Amino acid sequence: MANDLNKVLLIGRMTRDPEFKSVNGSSVVNFSIANNRVYVTNGEKKEETHYFDCVAWGRLADILKQYAGKGKQVAIEGRLQQQSWETPEGKKATKIRVYVESAQLLGGQGQGGGGSGGDRSDSSTSYDSGVSSGYDDYPAGDDDIPF
C-alpha cells in the first residue's frame, strides 16, 4: 500500500513574535504567518491574505525564538495536523496547524527578527528540526523504476 503525503511549504511574514514554552523538557514555539496572494480577475488586480498557525519543537524552536520575530519573512516546510476538542458548550471544535520541520529565515538583517540576533550578514539561513518526515527514509534507485 502506498504512503499518503502530508507536506506543506509556505513563505510568509510572521504576524507576531514566537511564543516560547517548555513542555516536558522540550522547547516549543507557537507563531503565525501571513501569506499574501496577488491575482488578476476580470482585469482587476486583487490581493488576499491567509493566516496559518504554526508550531515548532526542539532545536528549531530555540532558533526561531532567538532569531525570528514579528514581520520577519520566513519559509517553512512541515506537515498539517488537525486537533479536535470539545468546547465548554459541548460542541466539537477543530483546528489545523502547520507542524514545522524546517525553516529558512529570509530577507536582510533589518527585516523583522527577534531578540539577540547578533551581527548576521547573510540574507537567509536554513534550520532543520532534526526530525525525519519519513518521506526521504526510503532510498530510490534504478531498481524501483518499472521500465
Protein backbone atom coordinates (compact mmCIF):
# COMPACT_ATOMS: atom_id res chain seq x y z
CA MET A 1 0.00 0.00 0.00
CA ALA A 2 1.33 3.43 -0.90
CA ASN A 3 2.04 6.05 1.72
CA ASP A 4 -0.08 9.18 1.72
CA LEU A 5 1.65 12.55 1.55
CA ASN A 6 1.17 15.36 4.06
CA LYS A 7 3.63 18.12 3.15
CA VAL A 8 3.28 21.88 3.12
CA LEU A 9 5.69 24.65 2.06
CA LEU A 10 4.82 28.26 2.86
CA ILE A 11 6.57 31.62 2.59
CA GLY A 12 5.15 34.50 4.58
CA ARG A 13 5.75 37.03 7.31
CA MET A 14 5.44 36.30 11.00
CA THR A 15 2.42 38.10 12.45
CA ARG A 16 3.82 38.13 16.00
CA ASP A 17 6.92 37.17 17.95
CA PRO A 18 7.14 33.42 18.63
CA GLU A 19 5.53 32.36 21.91
CA PHE A 20 8.06 30.11 23.67
CA LYS A 21 7.43 27.47 26.31
CA SER A 22 8.94 24.26 27.57
CA VAL A 23 6.87 21.06 27.55
CA ASN A 24 8.31 18.06 29.41
CA GLY A 25 11.81 19.47 28.89
CA SER A 26 11.34 20.13 25.15
CA SER A 27 11.30 23.62 23.66
CA VAL A 28 8.24 24.61 21.66
CA VAL A 29 7.26 27.85 19.90
CA ASN A 30 3.88 28.83 18.52
CA PHE A 31 3.60 31.53 15.87
CA SER A 32 1.52 32.61 12.89
CA ILE A 33 2.50 33.60 9.39
CA ALA A 34 0.61 35.71 6.89
CA ASN A 35 0.77 34.59 3.27
CA ASN A 36 -0.28 37.04 0.54
CA ARG A 37 -1.66 36.09 -2.86
CA VAL A 38 -2.00 38.60 -5.68
CA TYR A 39 -4.04 37.70 -8.74
CA VAL A 40 -5.99 39.29 -11.58
CA THR A 41 -9.64 38.56 -12.30
CA ASN A 42 -11.68 40.33 -14.97
CA GLY A 43 -8.76 42.71 -15.49
CA GLU A 44 -8.82 43.80 -11.84
CA LYS A 45 -5.84 43.20 -9.55
CA LYS A 46 -6.86 41.60 -6.26
CA GLU A 47 -4.98 40.58 -3.14
CA GLU A 48 -5.90 38.14 -0.43
CA THR A 49 -4.11 37.24 2.77
CA HIS A 50 -4.25 33.92 4.58
CA TYR A 51 -3.05 33.27 8.12
CA PHE A 52 -1.52 29.99 9.29
CA ASP A 53 -0.88 28.88 12.87
CA CYS A 54 2.45 27.08 13.21
CA VAL A 55 4.32 25.14 15.89
CA ALA A 56 7.99 24.11 16.04
CA TRP A 57 9.73 21.86 18.56
CA GLY A 58 13.25 21.23 19.86
CA ARG A 59 16.33 22.98 18.49
CA LEU A 60 14.29 24.61 15.72
CA ALA A 61 12.06 26.20 18.38
CA ASP A 62 15.13 27.58 20.17
CA ILE A 63 16.48 29.06 16.93
CA LEU A 64 13.17 30.66 15.95
CA LYS A 65 12.81 32.12 19.44
CA GLN A 66 16.22 33.74 19.13
CA TYR A 67 16.30 34.92 15.51
CA ALA A 68 12.72 35.30 14.25
CA GLY A 69 10.13 37.89 15.18
CA LYS A 70 7.12 39.84 14.05
CA GLY A 71 7.47 40.98 10.45
CA LYS A 72 10.30 38.58 9.59
CA GLN A 73 9.85 36.76 6.31
CA VAL A 74 10.24 33.00 6.72
CA ALA A 75 9.96 29.91 4.54
CA ILE A 76 8.64 26.92 6.43
CA GLU A 77 8.27 23.28 5.50
CA GLY A 78 6.26 20.81 7.50
CA ARG A 79 3.03 18.89 7.78
CA LEU A 80 -0.57 19.70 8.61
CA GLN A 81 -2.14 18.28 11.74
CA GLN A 82 -5.73 18.62 12.85
CA GLN A 83 -6.59 18.93 16.53
CA SER A 84 -10.07 18.26 17.89
CA TRP A 85 -11.57 19.15 21.25
CA GLU A 86 -14.88 19.80 22.91
CA THR A 87 -15.78 23.39 23.83
CA PRO A 88 -17.21 24.29 27.25
CA GLU A 89 -20.59 24.50 25.49
CA GLY A 90 -20.26 20.85 24.47
CA LYS A 91 -19.62 21.48 20.75
CA LYS A 92 -16.85 19.81 18.80
CA ALA A 93 -14.13 22.21 17.59
CA THR A 94 -11.19 21.59 15.29
CA LYS A 95 -8.08 23.47 14.25
CA ILE A 96 -5.43 22.73 11.64
CA ARG A 97 -1.84 23.80 12.34
CA VAL A 98 1.44 23.51 10.48
CA TYR A 99 3.98 21.38 12.38
CA VAL A 100 7.23 22.94 11.16
CA GLU A 101 10.03 20.51 10.31
CA SER A 102 12.42 23.06 8.77
CA ALA A 103 12.57 26.81 8.39
CA GLN A 104 14.57 29.33 6.44
CA LEU A 105 14.80 32.93 7.58
CA LEU A 106 14.53 35.19 4.54
CA GLY A 107 15.31 38.83 3.92
CA GLY A 108 18.03 41.02 5.33
CA GLN A 109 19.12 41.86 8.84
CA GLY A 110 16.71 44.76 9.31
CA GLN A 111 13.54 42.95 8.25
CA GLY A 112 11.90 41.93 11.48
CA GLY A 113 13.63 39.49 13.73
CA GLY A 114 13.61 38.60 17.35
CA GLY A 115 15.85 39.15 20.32
CA SER A 116 19.60 38.81 20.30
CA GLY A 117 20.11 38.00 16.64
CA GLY A 118 23.63 39.44 16.70
CA ASP A 119 25.51 40.57 13.62
CA ARG A 120 24.20 38.40 10.82
CA SER A 121 25.31 39.44 7.36
CA ASP A 122 23.73 36.65 5.31
CA SER A 123 20.35 37.21 3.72
CA SER A 124 18.86 33.80 4.50
CA THR A 125 19.58 30.96 6.88
CA SER A 126 18.11 27.43 6.95
CA TYR A 127 17.31 25.42 10.04
CA ASP A 128 16.04 21.88 10.40
CA SER A 129 14.15 20.34 13.29
CA GLY A 130 16.24 17.18 13.07
CA VAL A 131 13.06 15.09 12.99
CA SER A 132 12.62 12.88 9.95
CA SER A 133 9.45 13.42 7.96
CA GLY A 134 9.59 9.79 6.88
CA TYR A 135 9.36 10.54 3.14
CA ASP A 136 13.10 10.52 2.48
CA ASP A 137 13.80 7.45 4.58
CA TYR A 138 13.32 5.11 1.61
CA PRO A 139 16.15 5.47 -0.92
CA ALA A 140 15.04 5.28 -4.52
CA GLY A 141 17.22 3.51 -7.03
CA ASP A 142 17.03 2.33 -10.58
CA ASP A 143 15.64 -0.99 -9.32
CA ASP A 144 12.47 0.82 -8.23
CA ILE A 145 11.68 2.08 -11.74
CA PRO A 146 9.27 -0.28 -13.52
CA PHE A 147 10.76 0.18 -17.01
